[in-house]
């Protein structure tokens, strides 16, 4: 009886440990700066939105982001910084370089969640079937401290723009992973730990109930 009880307690401890591990892994995931992908007809134009996703604690107070592309496929013809009016300081230069758009913003109160940073307008100059990567490069991504401190870790998610179909209007935040949502995707390890921990705790609890019922029946 004593040995069985020790085994049950060990199983429940392992399950609790796996759940704790899943929580730590999830908490270590930082924000993502992502740009929407899109499709456009030859000679047509489209607009894609640059996002800061999953910003929690610390909040975002300032950023400088570059979007690098292939000017032989598409060129940036316009840029609207801070389309929702969240930042007190907002700049966007579609001509920062021949292949680069630079977006800058600052808010001294801090922002969290899914934050739209800019709407960039592109014109297709290549042929149908051509595509270009939109390479998101994070120059600055800082909190509200004085002096400001970089928020880490911050992931950058690139996209691909293809000359083939109709333009896509910006709207909901893009997915941050295959099959995921912009509200924050969990890593496979985090999900596995959570599922395994919950299963072990459930089995341990059921075994404990069965053990208690058996003792009562024997008495």
N, C-alpha and C. Protein backbone atom coordinates (compact mmCIF):
# COMPACT_ATOMS: atom_id res chain seq x y z
N UNK A 1 0.83 -1.20 0.00
CA UNK A 1 0.00 0.00 0.00
C UNK A 1 0.88 1.27 0.00
N UNK A 2 1.92 1.24 0.86
CA UNK A 2 2.79 2.40 0.96
C UNK A 2 3.51 2.65 -0.35
N UNK A 3 3.95 1.57 -1.01
CA UNK A 3 4.65 1.72 -2.30
C UNK A 3 3.73 2.30 -3.36
N UNK A 4 2.47 1.84 -3.40
CA UNK A 4 1.52 2.35 -4.38
C UNK A 4 1.26 3.83 -4.17
N UNK A 5 1.15 4.23 -2.89
CA UNK A 5 0.91 5.64 -2.60
C UNK A 5 2.09 6.49 -3.07
N UNK A 6 3.31 6.01 -2.87
CA UNK A 6 4.49 6.75 -3.30
C UNK A 6 4.53 6.90 -4.82
N UNK A 7 4.12 5.83 -5.53
CA UNK A 7 4.08 5.89 -6.99
C UNK A 7 3.08 6.93 -7.46
N UNK A 8 1.90 6.95 -6.82
CA UNK A 8 0.88 7.92 -7.20
C UNK A 8 1.35 9.35 -6.96
N UNK A 9 2.00 9.58 -5.83
CA UNK A 9 2.50 10.91 -5.53
C UNK A 9 3.57 11.33 -6.53
N UNK A 10 4.41 10.38 -6.93
CA UNK A 10 5.46 10.68 -7.90
C UNK A 10 4.87 11.06 -9.25
N UNK A 11 3.83 10.32 -9.69
CA UNK A 11 3.18 10.63 -10.95
C UNK A 11 2.58 12.02 -10.94
N UNK A 12 1.92 12.37 -9.85
CA UNK A 12 1.29 13.69 -9.77
C UNK A 12 2.34 14.79 -9.73
N UNK A 13 3.49 14.53 -9.11
CA UNK A 13 4.57 15.52 -9.08
C UNK A 13 5.13 15.75 -10.47
N UNK A 14 5.30 14.67 -11.23
CA UNK A 14 5.80 14.79 -12.60
C UNK A 14 4.83 15.60 -13.46
N UNK A 15 3.52 15.32 -13.32
CA UNK A 15 2.53 16.06 -14.09
C UNK A 15 2.54 17.53 -13.77
N UNK A 16 2.63 17.87 -12.48
CA UNK A 16 2.69 19.28 -12.08
C UNK A 16 3.94 19.94 -12.63
N UNK A 17 5.05 19.20 -12.65
CA UNK A 17 6.28 19.76 -13.19
C UNK A 17 6.19 20.06 -14.67
N UNK A 18 5.54 19.17 -15.43
CA UNK A 18 5.37 19.41 -16.86
C UNK A 18 4.50 20.62 -17.13
N UNK A 19 3.45 20.79 -16.34
CA UNK A 19 2.59 21.96 -16.51
C UNK A 19 3.36 23.24 -16.20
N UNK A 20 4.18 23.20 -15.17
CA UNK A 20 4.98 24.38 -14.83
C UNK A 20 5.96 24.70 -15.94
N UNK A 21 6.57 23.66 -16.53
CA UNK A 21 7.49 23.87 -17.64
C UNK A 21 6.79 24.52 -18.82
N UNK A 22 5.58 24.06 -19.11
CA UNK A 22 4.81 24.64 -20.22
C UNK A 22 4.54 26.11 -19.97
N UNK A 23 4.24 26.47 -18.71
CA UNK A 23 3.96 27.86 -18.38
C UNK A 23 5.20 28.73 -18.57
N UNK A 24 6.37 28.21 -18.16
CA UNK A 24 7.60 28.98 -18.30
C UNK A 24 7.95 29.19 -19.76
N UNK A 25 7.83 28.12 -20.57
CA UNK A 25 8.13 28.23 -21.99
C UNK A 25 7.23 29.26 -22.66
N UNK A 26 5.92 29.23 -22.31
CA UNK A 26 4.97 30.17 -22.91
C UNK A 26 5.31 31.60 -22.52
N UNK A 27 5.71 31.81 -21.23
CA UNK A 27 5.99 33.17 -20.76
C UNK A 27 7.25 33.74 -21.40
N UNK A 28 8.14 32.87 -21.89
CA UNK A 28 9.37 33.33 -22.49
C UNK A 28 9.17 33.78 -23.94
N UNK A 29 8.03 33.52 -24.52
CA UNK A 29 7.78 33.94 -25.89
C UNK A 29 7.51 35.44 -25.91
N UNK A 30 8.26 36.13 -26.76
CA UNK A 30 8.13 37.57 -26.81
C UNK A 30 7.27 38.03 -27.97
N UNK A 31 7.24 39.35 -28.21
CA UNK A 31 6.45 39.90 -29.31
C UNK A 31 7.00 39.47 -30.68
N UNK A 32 6.17 39.67 -31.69
CA UNK A 32 6.56 39.40 -33.08
C UNK A 32 6.22 40.60 -33.93
N UNK A 33 7.16 41.04 -34.75
CA UNK A 33 6.89 42.07 -35.75
C UNK A 33 6.69 41.36 -37.08
N UNK A 34 5.50 41.54 -37.66
CA UNK A 34 5.12 40.75 -38.83
C UNK A 34 4.48 41.65 -39.89
N UNK A 35 4.69 41.28 -41.15
CA UNK A 35 4.04 41.99 -42.24
C UNK A 35 3.17 41.02 -43.03
N UNK A 36 2.02 41.48 -43.47
CA UNK A 36 1.09 40.63 -44.20
C UNK A 36 1.65 40.26 -45.57
N UNK A 37 1.31 39.07 -46.02
CA UNK A 37 1.63 38.67 -47.39
C UNK A 37 0.52 39.16 -48.32
N UNK A 38 0.70 38.99 -49.62
CA UNK A 38 -0.32 39.46 -50.53
C UNK A 38 -0.10 38.99 -51.95
N UNK A 39 -1.10 39.23 -52.77
CA UNK A 39 -1.05 38.91 -54.20
C UNK A 39 -1.61 40.10 -54.97
N UNK A 40 -1.08 40.34 -56.16
CA UNK A 40 -1.52 41.48 -56.95
C UNK A 40 -1.32 41.17 -58.43
N UNK A 41 -2.19 41.73 -59.27
CA UNK A 41 -2.08 41.53 -60.71
C UNK A 41 -0.92 42.34 -61.28
N UNK A 42 -0.44 41.93 -62.45
CA UNK A 42 0.63 42.68 -63.11
C UNK A 42 0.25 44.15 -63.26
N UNK A 43 1.16 45.01 -62.87
CA UNK A 43 0.92 46.44 -62.99
C UNK A 43 -0.02 47.00 -61.95
N UNK A 44 -0.59 46.14 -61.08
CA UNK A 44 -1.55 46.58 -60.07
C UNK A 44 -0.87 47.05 -58.79
N UNK A 45 -1.71 47.48 -57.85
CA UNK A 45 -1.21 47.93 -56.55
C UNK A 45 -1.92 47.17 -55.45
N UNK A 46 -1.31 47.15 -54.29
CA UNK A 46 -1.90 46.53 -53.12
C UNK A 46 -1.35 47.20 -51.87
N UNK A 47 -2.00 46.92 -50.75
CA UNK A 47 -1.57 47.47 -49.48
C UNK A 47 -1.40 46.33 -48.49
N UNK A 48 -0.30 46.32 -47.78
CA UNK A 48 -0.08 45.33 -46.72
C UNK A 48 0.24 46.06 -45.42
N UNK A 49 -0.14 45.43 -44.32
CA UNK A 49 0.01 46.07 -43.01
C UNK A 49 1.16 45.45 -42.23
N UNK A 50 1.93 46.32 -41.58
CA UNK A 50 3.00 45.91 -40.68
C UNK A 50 2.46 45.92 -39.26
N UNK A 51 2.67 44.82 -38.53
CA UNK A 51 2.09 44.64 -37.19
C UNK A 51 3.18 44.39 -36.14
N UNK A 52 2.88 44.81 -34.92
CA UNK A 52 3.57 44.30 -33.73
C UNK A 52 2.55 43.45 -32.98
N UNK A 53 2.84 42.16 -32.80
CA UNK A 53 1.89 41.22 -32.24
C UNK A 53 2.38 40.68 -30.90
N UNK A 54 1.42 40.33 -30.04
CA UNK A 54 1.71 39.68 -28.76
C UNK A 54 2.60 40.54 -27.86
N UNK A 55 2.38 41.85 -27.86
CA UNK A 55 3.12 42.74 -26.97
C UNK A 55 2.42 42.75 -25.62
N UNK A 56 3.11 42.35 -24.59
CA UNK A 56 2.50 42.26 -23.26
C UNK A 56 3.24 43.15 -22.27
N UNK A 57 4.04 42.57 -21.41
CA UNK A 57 4.78 43.32 -20.40
C UNK A 57 6.27 43.06 -20.60
N UNK A 58 7.07 44.07 -20.89
CA UNK A 58 6.75 45.50 -20.86
C UNK A 58 6.03 45.97 -22.12
N UNK A 59 5.28 47.07 -22.02
CA UNK A 59 4.60 47.61 -23.20
C UNK A 59 5.59 48.26 -24.16
N UNK A 60 5.13 48.46 -25.40
CA UNK A 60 5.95 49.06 -26.44
C UNK A 60 5.81 50.58 -26.40
N UNK A 61 6.98 51.27 -26.34
CA UNK A 61 6.96 52.73 -26.36
C UNK A 61 7.61 53.32 -27.61
N UNK A 62 8.51 52.57 -28.24
CA UNK A 62 9.16 53.11 -29.42
C UNK A 62 9.72 52.01 -30.31
N UNK A 63 9.79 52.29 -31.61
CA UNK A 63 10.30 51.28 -32.54
C UNK A 63 10.85 51.93 -33.80
N UNK A 64 11.78 51.24 -34.42
CA UNK A 64 12.25 51.53 -35.77
C UNK A 64 12.34 50.21 -36.51
N UNK A 65 11.57 50.08 -37.59
CA UNK A 65 11.50 48.83 -38.34
C UNK A 65 11.80 49.11 -39.81
N UNK A 66 12.62 48.26 -40.40
CA UNK A 66 12.86 48.32 -41.84
C UNK A 66 12.19 47.13 -42.52
N UNK A 67 11.61 47.37 -43.69
CA UNK A 67 11.07 46.30 -44.54
C UNK A 67 11.84 46.32 -45.85
N UNK A 68 12.59 45.25 -46.09
CA UNK A 68 13.45 45.16 -47.28
C UNK A 68 12.79 44.25 -48.31
N UNK A 69 12.84 44.65 -49.60
CA UNK A 69 12.14 43.91 -50.64
C UNK A 69 12.96 43.93 -51.93
N UNK A 70 12.47 43.22 -52.93
CA UNK A 70 13.13 43.17 -54.23
C UNK A 70 12.48 44.19 -55.15
N UNK A 71 13.16 45.29 -55.49
CA UNK A 71 12.55 46.33 -56.32
C UNK A 71 12.35 45.92 -57.77
N UNK A 72 12.87 44.76 -58.17
CA UNK A 72 12.62 44.27 -59.52
C UNK A 72 11.25 43.60 -59.63
N UNK A 73 10.64 43.33 -58.48
CA UNK A 73 9.32 42.68 -58.46
C UNK A 73 8.24 43.67 -58.06
N UNK A 74 8.47 44.40 -56.97
CA UNK A 74 7.51 45.40 -56.51
C UNK A 74 8.28 46.58 -55.94
N UNK A 75 7.64 47.74 -55.96
CA UNK A 75 8.22 48.92 -55.35
C UNK A 75 7.21 49.54 -54.41
N UNK A 76 7.71 50.14 -53.34
CA UNK A 76 6.84 50.83 -52.39
C UNK A 76 6.52 52.22 -52.93
N UNK A 77 5.24 52.52 -53.06
CA UNK A 77 4.83 53.81 -53.60
C UNK A 77 4.21 54.73 -52.56
N UNK A 78 3.92 54.19 -51.38
CA UNK A 78 3.32 55.00 -50.34
C UNK A 78 3.34 54.28 -49.02
N UNK A 79 3.17 55.03 -47.95
CA UNK A 79 3.18 54.44 -46.61
C UNK A 79 2.42 55.32 -45.65
N UNK A 80 1.48 54.72 -44.91
CA UNK A 80 0.72 55.44 -43.88
C UNK A 80 1.18 54.91 -42.53
N UNK A 81 1.94 55.70 -41.76
CA UNK A 81 2.37 55.22 -40.45
C UNK A 81 1.24 55.26 -39.43
N UNK A 82 1.28 54.32 -38.48
CA UNK A 82 0.33 54.32 -37.37
C UNK A 82 -1.12 54.49 -37.86
N UNK A 83 -1.65 53.55 -38.62
CA UNK A 83 -2.99 53.73 -39.21
C UNK A 83 -4.12 53.85 -38.20
N UNK A 84 -3.91 53.41 -36.96
CA UNK A 84 -4.96 53.52 -35.94
C UNK A 84 -4.76 54.71 -35.02
N UNK A 85 -3.70 55.49 -35.22
CA UNK A 85 -3.47 56.70 -34.42
C UNK A 85 -3.07 56.41 -32.98
N UNK A 86 -2.28 55.35 -32.77
CA UNK A 86 -1.88 54.97 -31.41
C UNK A 86 -0.61 55.68 -30.94
N UNK A 87 0.21 56.15 -31.85
CA UNK A 87 1.51 56.71 -31.50
C UNK A 87 1.50 58.23 -31.64
N UNK A 88 2.14 58.90 -30.67
CA UNK A 88 2.23 60.35 -30.74
C UNK A 88 3.21 60.81 -31.79
N UNK A 89 4.26 60.04 -31.99
CA UNK A 89 5.26 60.32 -33.02
C UNK A 89 5.21 59.18 -34.03
N UNK A 90 5.07 59.52 -35.31
CA UNK A 90 4.93 58.48 -36.34
C UNK A 90 5.55 58.96 -37.65
N UNK A 91 6.39 58.13 -38.23
CA UNK A 91 7.03 58.45 -39.49
C UNK A 91 7.11 57.18 -40.34
N UNK A 92 7.01 57.35 -41.66
CA UNK A 92 7.20 56.22 -42.56
C UNK A 92 7.78 56.76 -43.87
N UNK A 93 8.91 56.20 -44.26
CA UNK A 93 9.59 56.67 -45.46
C UNK A 93 9.71 55.52 -46.45
N UNK A 94 8.86 55.51 -47.50
CA UNK A 94 8.94 54.45 -48.49
C UNK A 94 10.18 54.55 -49.38
N UNK A 95 10.88 55.70 -49.32
CA UNK A 95 12.08 55.92 -50.13
C UNK A 95 13.33 55.94 -49.27
N UNK A 96 13.30 55.27 -48.12
CA UNK A 96 14.47 55.26 -47.25
C UNK A 96 15.69 54.72 -48.00
N UNK A 97 15.47 53.68 -48.80
CA UNK A 97 16.48 53.17 -49.72
C UNK A 97 15.75 52.60 -50.92
N UNK A 98 16.48 52.26 -51.97
CA UNK A 98 15.83 51.78 -53.18
C UNK A 98 15.10 50.46 -52.96
N UNK A 99 15.43 49.74 -51.89
CA UNK A 99 14.78 48.47 -51.59
C UNK A 99 14.29 48.38 -50.15
N UNK A 100 14.10 49.54 -49.49
CA UNK A 100 13.79 49.53 -48.06
C UNK A 100 12.77 50.59 -47.70
N UNK A 101 11.78 50.19 -46.89
CA UNK A 101 10.84 51.11 -46.26
C UNK A 101 11.20 51.18 -44.77
N UNK A 102 11.30 52.38 -44.23
CA UNK A 102 11.57 52.52 -42.79
C UNK A 102 10.35 53.10 -42.10
N UNK A 103 9.98 52.47 -40.96
CA UNK A 103 8.82 52.89 -40.17
C UNK A 103 9.30 53.19 -38.75
N UNK A 104 8.88 54.34 -38.21
CA UNK A 104 9.29 54.79 -36.88
C UNK A 104 8.06 55.23 -36.11
N UNK A 105 8.01 54.92 -34.81
CA UNK A 105 6.90 55.36 -33.98
C UNK A 105 7.30 55.46 -32.52
N UNK A 106 6.61 56.33 -31.77
CA UNK A 106 6.87 56.47 -30.34
C UNK A 106 5.58 56.82 -29.62
N UNK A 107 5.37 56.18 -28.48
CA UNK A 107 4.22 56.45 -27.61
C UNK A 107 4.74 56.41 -26.18
N UNK A 108 4.58 57.47 -25.44
CA UNK A 108 5.21 57.57 -24.13
C UNK A 108 4.40 56.94 -23.01
N UNK A 109 3.23 56.39 -23.34
CA UNK A 109 2.43 55.69 -22.34
C UNK A 109 2.56 54.17 -22.47
N UNK A 110 2.96 53.70 -23.64
CA UNK A 110 3.14 52.27 -23.85
C UNK A 110 1.89 51.61 -24.41
N UNK A 111 2.10 50.65 -25.30
CA UNK A 111 1.00 49.94 -25.94
C UNK A 111 1.23 48.44 -25.84
N UNK A 112 0.12 47.68 -25.77
CA UNK A 112 0.19 46.23 -25.70
C UNK A 112 -0.80 45.61 -26.69
N UNK A 113 -0.67 44.31 -26.88
CA UNK A 113 -1.61 43.59 -27.74
C UNK A 113 -1.12 43.53 -29.17
N UNK A 114 -2.09 43.55 -30.10
CA UNK A 114 -1.79 43.58 -31.54
C UNK A 114 -1.82 45.03 -31.99
N UNK A 115 -0.67 45.55 -32.43
CA UNK A 115 -0.53 46.98 -32.70
C UNK A 115 -0.21 47.18 -34.18
N UNK A 116 -1.08 47.84 -34.95
CA UNK A 116 -0.75 48.15 -36.35
C UNK A 116 0.29 49.26 -36.41
N UNK A 117 1.36 49.03 -37.15
CA UNK A 117 2.46 49.99 -37.22
C UNK A 117 2.43 50.84 -38.49
N UNK A 118 2.03 50.24 -39.62
CA UNK A 118 2.02 51.00 -40.87
C UNK A 118 1.27 50.23 -41.94
N UNK A 119 0.69 50.97 -42.89
CA UNK A 119 0.11 50.39 -44.11
C UNK A 119 1.00 50.81 -45.27
N UNK A 120 1.59 49.83 -45.95
CA UNK A 120 2.51 50.11 -47.05
C UNK A 120 1.85 49.75 -48.38
N UNK A 121 1.90 50.68 -49.33
CA UNK A 121 1.33 50.45 -50.66
C UNK A 121 2.44 50.04 -51.62
N UNK A 122 2.16 48.97 -52.38
CA UNK A 122 3.12 48.43 -53.33
C UNK A 122 2.56 48.48 -54.74
N UNK A 123 3.45 48.64 -55.72
CA UNK A 123 3.08 48.53 -57.13
C UNK A 123 3.90 47.43 -57.78
N UNK A 124 3.22 46.53 -58.48
CA UNK A 124 3.90 45.42 -59.13
C UNK A 124 4.63 45.92 -60.37
N UNK A 125 5.90 45.59 -60.49
CA UNK A 125 6.68 45.97 -61.67
C UNK A 125 7.22 44.72 -62.39
N UNK A 126 7.07 43.55 -61.78
CA UNK A 126 7.52 42.31 -62.39
C UNK A 126 6.40 41.66 -63.20
N UNK A 127 6.61 40.40 -63.53
CA UNK A 127 5.64 39.65 -64.32
C UNK A 127 4.89 38.65 -63.43
N UNK A 128 3.78 38.16 -63.94
CA UNK A 128 2.99 37.17 -63.20
C UNK A 128 3.87 35.97 -62.85
N UNK A 129 3.78 35.55 -61.61
CA UNK A 129 4.60 34.45 -61.13
C UNK A 129 5.82 34.90 -60.36
N UNK A 130 6.24 36.16 -60.55
CA UNK A 130 7.36 36.69 -59.77
C UNK A 130 6.93 36.88 -58.32
N UNK A 131 7.88 36.80 -57.42
CA UNK A 131 7.58 37.01 -56.00
C UNK A 131 8.77 37.66 -55.32
N UNK A 132 8.50 38.32 -54.22
CA UNK A 132 9.57 38.94 -53.43
C UNK A 132 9.31 38.69 -51.96
N UNK A 133 10.37 38.40 -51.22
CA UNK A 133 10.27 38.34 -49.77
C UNK A 133 10.16 39.76 -49.23
N UNK A 134 9.34 39.93 -48.22
CA UNK A 134 9.31 41.18 -47.46
C UNK A 134 10.05 40.90 -46.16
N UNK A 135 11.28 41.35 -46.09
CA UNK A 135 12.18 41.02 -44.99
C UNK A 135 12.04 42.07 -43.89
N UNK A 136 11.46 41.67 -42.76
CA UNK A 136 11.28 42.56 -41.62
C UNK A 136 12.57 42.60 -40.81
N UNK A 137 13.13 43.79 -40.63
CA UNK A 137 14.37 43.94 -39.86
C UNK A 137 14.12 44.91 -38.71
N UNK A 138 14.32 44.43 -37.50
CA UNK A 138 14.05 45.22 -36.29
C UNK A 138 15.30 46.03 -35.93
N UNK A 139 15.20 47.35 -36.04
CA UNK A 139 16.31 48.23 -35.67
C UNK A 139 16.22 48.58 -34.20
N UNK A 140 15.04 49.03 -33.76
CA UNK A 140 14.78 49.34 -32.34
C UNK A 140 13.39 48.86 -31.99
N UNK A 141 13.23 48.35 -30.75
CA UNK A 141 11.92 47.93 -30.24
C UNK A 141 12.04 48.03 -28.72
N UNK A 142 11.62 49.18 -28.16
CA UNK A 142 12.00 49.51 -26.79
C UNK A 142 10.79 49.75 -25.89
N UNK A 143 11.05 49.65 -24.58
CA UNK A 143 10.02 49.87 -23.58
C UNK A 143 9.98 51.35 -23.18
N UNK A 144 9.33 51.64 -22.04
CA UNK A 144 9.09 53.03 -21.65
C UNK A 144 10.06 53.54 -20.58
N UNK A 145 11.07 52.77 -20.26
CA UNK A 145 12.03 53.22 -19.26
C UNK A 145 12.86 54.39 -19.79
N UNK A 146 13.49 55.12 -18.85
CA UNK A 146 14.40 56.21 -19.22
C UNK A 146 15.75 55.92 -18.58
N UNK A 147 16.78 55.61 -19.36
CA UNK A 147 16.76 55.47 -20.82
C UNK A 147 16.02 54.20 -21.25
N UNK A 148 15.53 54.21 -22.49
CA UNK A 148 14.75 53.08 -23.00
C UNK A 148 15.61 51.82 -23.09
N UNK A 149 14.95 50.68 -22.87
CA UNK A 149 15.62 49.38 -22.90
C UNK A 149 14.96 48.52 -23.97
N UNK A 150 15.77 47.80 -24.74
CA UNK A 150 15.23 46.92 -25.78
C UNK A 150 14.34 45.84 -25.17
N UNK A 151 13.19 45.58 -25.80
CA UNK A 151 12.31 44.49 -25.40
C UNK A 151 12.84 43.21 -26.06
N UNK A 152 13.12 42.21 -25.26
CA UNK A 152 13.64 40.95 -25.79
C UNK A 152 12.92 39.78 -25.14
N UNK A 153 12.77 38.64 -25.85
CA UNK A 153 13.13 38.49 -27.26
C UNK A 153 12.03 39.04 -28.17
N UNK A 154 12.40 39.51 -29.34
CA UNK A 154 11.44 39.96 -30.34
C UNK A 154 11.72 39.21 -31.63
N UNK A 155 10.69 38.54 -32.15
CA UNK A 155 10.85 37.79 -33.39
C UNK A 155 10.40 38.65 -34.57
N UNK A 156 10.99 38.42 -35.73
CA UNK A 156 10.52 39.08 -36.94
C UNK A 156 10.01 38.02 -37.90
N UNK A 157 8.82 38.24 -38.43
CA UNK A 157 8.19 37.29 -39.34
C UNK A 157 8.07 37.91 -40.73
N UNK A 158 8.83 37.35 -41.67
CA UNK A 158 8.79 37.85 -43.05
C UNK A 158 7.56 37.29 -43.77
N UNK A 159 7.32 37.78 -44.98
CA UNK A 159 6.23 37.27 -45.80
C UNK A 159 6.66 37.28 -47.25
N UNK A 160 5.79 36.77 -48.12
CA UNK A 160 6.07 36.72 -49.55
C UNK A 160 4.93 37.39 -50.30
N UNK A 161 5.27 38.27 -51.21
CA UNK A 161 4.29 38.92 -52.07
C UNK A 161 4.44 38.39 -53.50
N UNK A 162 3.33 37.97 -54.09
CA UNK A 162 3.34 37.32 -55.39
C UNK A 162 2.54 38.14 -56.39
N UNK A 163 3.05 38.26 -57.59
CA UNK A 163 2.30 38.91 -58.68
C UNK A 163 1.48 37.83 -59.39
N UNK A 164 0.17 37.85 -59.11
CA UNK A 164 -0.68 36.85 -59.75
C UNK A 164 -2.16 37.18 -59.63
N UNK A 165 -2.64 37.54 -58.43
CA UNK A 165 -4.07 37.65 -58.20
C UNK A 165 -4.49 39.03 -57.74
N UNK A 166 -5.71 39.13 -57.19
CA UNK A 166 -6.24 40.43 -56.75
C UNK A 166 -5.53 40.92 -55.50
N UNK A 167 -5.60 42.24 -55.29
CA UNK A 167 -4.96 42.83 -54.12
C UNK A 167 -5.73 42.45 -52.87
N UNK A 168 -5.03 42.48 -51.74
CA UNK A 168 -5.62 42.13 -50.44
C UNK A 168 -5.63 43.37 -49.56
N UNK A 169 -6.80 43.77 -49.09
CA UNK A 169 -6.89 44.92 -48.20
C UNK A 169 -6.44 44.52 -46.80
N UNK A 170 -5.77 45.41 -46.06
CA UNK A 170 -5.35 45.08 -44.70
C UNK A 170 -6.56 44.97 -43.79
N UNK A 171 -6.47 44.11 -42.83
CA UNK A 171 -7.60 43.94 -41.90
C UNK A 171 -7.13 43.33 -40.62
N UNK A 172 -7.51 42.06 -40.40
CA UNK A 172 -7.15 41.39 -39.15
C UNK A 172 -5.67 41.10 -39.14
N UNK A 173 -5.08 40.98 -37.93
CA UNK A 173 -3.65 40.67 -37.84
C UNK A 173 -3.33 39.36 -38.52
N UNK A 174 -2.14 39.25 -39.11
CA UNK A 174 -1.76 38.01 -39.78
C UNK A 174 -1.47 36.92 -38.78
N UNK A 175 -1.51 35.67 -39.25
CA UNK A 175 -1.16 34.54 -38.41
C UNK A 175 0.31 34.56 -38.08
N UNK A 176 0.66 34.18 -36.86
CA UNK A 176 2.06 34.13 -36.46
C UNK A 176 2.63 32.75 -36.58
N UNK A 177 1.95 31.86 -37.26
CA UNK A 177 2.45 30.50 -37.44
C UNK A 177 1.48 29.73 -38.29
N UNK A 178 1.93 28.60 -38.79
CA UNK A 178 1.07 27.77 -39.63
C UNK A 178 -0.13 27.31 -38.85
N UNK A 179 -1.31 27.72 -39.28
CA UNK A 179 -2.53 27.30 -38.60
C UNK A 179 -2.77 28.05 -37.31
N UNK A 180 -1.90 29.01 -36.96
CA UNK A 180 -2.05 29.70 -35.69
C UNK A 180 -2.81 30.99 -35.87
N UNK A 181 -2.92 31.76 -34.79
CA UNK A 181 -3.61 33.04 -34.83
C UNK A 181 -2.68 34.10 -34.30
N UNK A 182 -3.01 35.36 -34.61
CA UNK A 182 -2.17 36.45 -34.20
C UNK A 182 -2.23 36.70 -32.72
N UNK A 183 -3.15 36.10 -32.02
CA UNK A 183 -3.26 36.28 -30.59
C UNK A 183 -2.17 35.59 -29.81
N UNK A 184 -1.21 34.94 -30.47
CA UNK A 184 -0.11 34.32 -29.76
C UNK A 184 -0.11 32.83 -29.91
N UNK A 185 0.85 32.30 -30.59
CA UNK A 185 0.92 30.86 -30.79
C UNK A 185 1.88 30.25 -29.79
N UNK A 186 1.57 29.07 -29.28
CA UNK A 186 2.43 28.38 -28.36
C UNK A 186 3.36 27.46 -29.11
N UNK A 187 4.57 27.27 -28.54
CA UNK A 187 5.51 26.38 -29.17
C UNK A 187 5.04 24.95 -29.02
N UNK A 188 5.46 24.03 -29.94
CA UNK A 188 5.08 22.62 -29.82
C UNK A 188 5.50 22.03 -28.49
N UNK A 189 6.67 22.43 -27.97
CA UNK A 189 7.13 21.89 -26.69
C UNK A 189 6.22 22.32 -25.56
N UNK A 190 5.79 23.60 -25.58
CA UNK A 190 4.89 24.08 -24.54
C UNK A 190 3.57 23.32 -24.57
N UNK A 191 3.01 23.13 -25.77
CA UNK A 191 1.75 22.40 -25.90
C UNK A 191 1.88 20.96 -25.43
N UNK A 192 3.01 20.32 -25.80
CA UNK A 192 3.23 18.93 -25.40
C UNK A 192 3.35 18.80 -23.90
N UNK A 193 4.08 19.73 -23.28
CA UNK A 193 4.24 19.68 -21.83
C UNK A 193 2.90 19.84 -21.12
N UNK A 194 2.10 20.79 -21.61
CA UNK A 194 0.80 21.04 -20.98
C UNK A 194 -0.10 19.81 -21.09
N UNK A 195 -0.15 19.22 -22.30
CA UNK A 195 -1.00 18.05 -22.50
C UNK A 195 -0.53 16.86 -21.68
N UNK A 196 0.79 16.64 -21.67
CA UNK A 196 1.33 15.51 -20.91
C UNK A 196 1.12 15.68 -19.42
N UNK A 197 1.34 16.90 -18.94
CA UNK A 197 1.15 17.15 -17.51
C UNK A 197 -0.28 16.95 -17.09
N UNK A 198 -1.21 17.48 -17.89
CA UNK A 198 -2.63 17.32 -17.55
C UNK A 198 -3.04 15.85 -17.55
N UNK A 199 -2.53 15.07 -18.53
CA UNK A 199 -2.88 13.66 -18.61
C UNK A 199 -2.35 12.90 -17.40
N UNK A 200 -1.10 13.17 -17.03
CA UNK A 200 -0.52 12.46 -15.88
C UNK A 200 -1.26 12.81 -14.60
N UNK A 201 -1.61 14.09 -14.42
CA UNK A 201 -2.37 14.48 -13.24
C UNK A 201 -3.72 13.80 -13.20
N UNK A 202 -4.37 13.69 -14.38
CA UNK A 202 -5.68 13.04 -14.43
C UNK A 202 -5.56 11.57 -14.07
N UNK A 203 -4.56 10.89 -14.65
CA UNK A 203 -4.37 9.46 -14.34
C UNK A 203 -4.01 9.26 -12.87
N UNK A 204 -3.18 10.18 -12.34
CA UNK A 204 -2.81 10.06 -10.94
C UNK A 204 -4.01 10.25 -10.03
N UNK A 205 -4.87 11.23 -10.38
CA UNK A 205 -6.06 11.46 -9.56
C UNK A 205 -7.02 10.28 -9.60
N UNK A 206 -7.21 9.70 -10.81
CA UNK A 206 -8.10 8.54 -10.93
C UNK A 206 -7.55 7.35 -10.15
N UNK A 207 -6.22 7.16 -10.22
CA UNK A 207 -5.62 6.04 -9.48
C UNK A 207 -5.77 6.25 -7.98
N UNK A 208 -5.64 7.50 -7.53
CA UNK A 208 -5.79 7.78 -6.11
C UNK A 208 -7.22 7.48 -5.65
N UNK A 209 -8.21 7.85 -6.46
CA UNK A 209 -9.59 7.56 -6.11
C UNK A 209 -9.84 6.05 -6.04
N UNK A 210 -9.28 5.34 -7.03
CA UNK A 210 -9.43 3.88 -7.03
C UNK A 210 -8.77 3.25 -5.82
N UNK A 211 -7.61 3.78 -5.44
CA UNK A 211 -6.90 3.26 -4.28
C UNK A 211 -7.71 3.49 -3.00
N UNK A 212 -8.31 4.71 -2.89
CA UNK A 212 -9.11 5.00 -1.70
C UNK A 212 -10.35 4.12 -1.65
N UNK A 213 -10.99 3.91 -2.80
CA UNK A 213 -12.18 3.08 -2.83
C UNK A 213 -11.84 1.63 -2.46
N UNK A 214 -10.70 1.15 -2.90
CA UNK A 214 -10.30 -0.23 -2.60
C UNK A 214 -10.06 -0.40 -1.11
N UNK A 215 -9.40 0.58 -0.49
CA UNK A 215 -9.17 0.49 0.94
C UNK A 215 -10.48 0.46 1.72
N UNK A 216 -11.43 1.29 1.28
CA UNK A 216 -12.72 1.32 1.98
C UNK A 216 -13.43 -0.02 1.81
N UNK A 217 -13.32 -0.62 0.60
CA UNK A 217 -14.02 -1.91 0.35
C UNK A 217 -13.38 -3.03 1.20
N UNK A 218 -12.01 -2.98 1.28
CA UNK A 218 -11.33 -4.02 2.06
C UNK A 218 -11.71 -3.93 3.52
N UNK A 219 -11.82 -2.70 4.04
CA UNK A 219 -12.23 -2.55 5.44
C UNK A 219 -13.66 -3.05 5.65
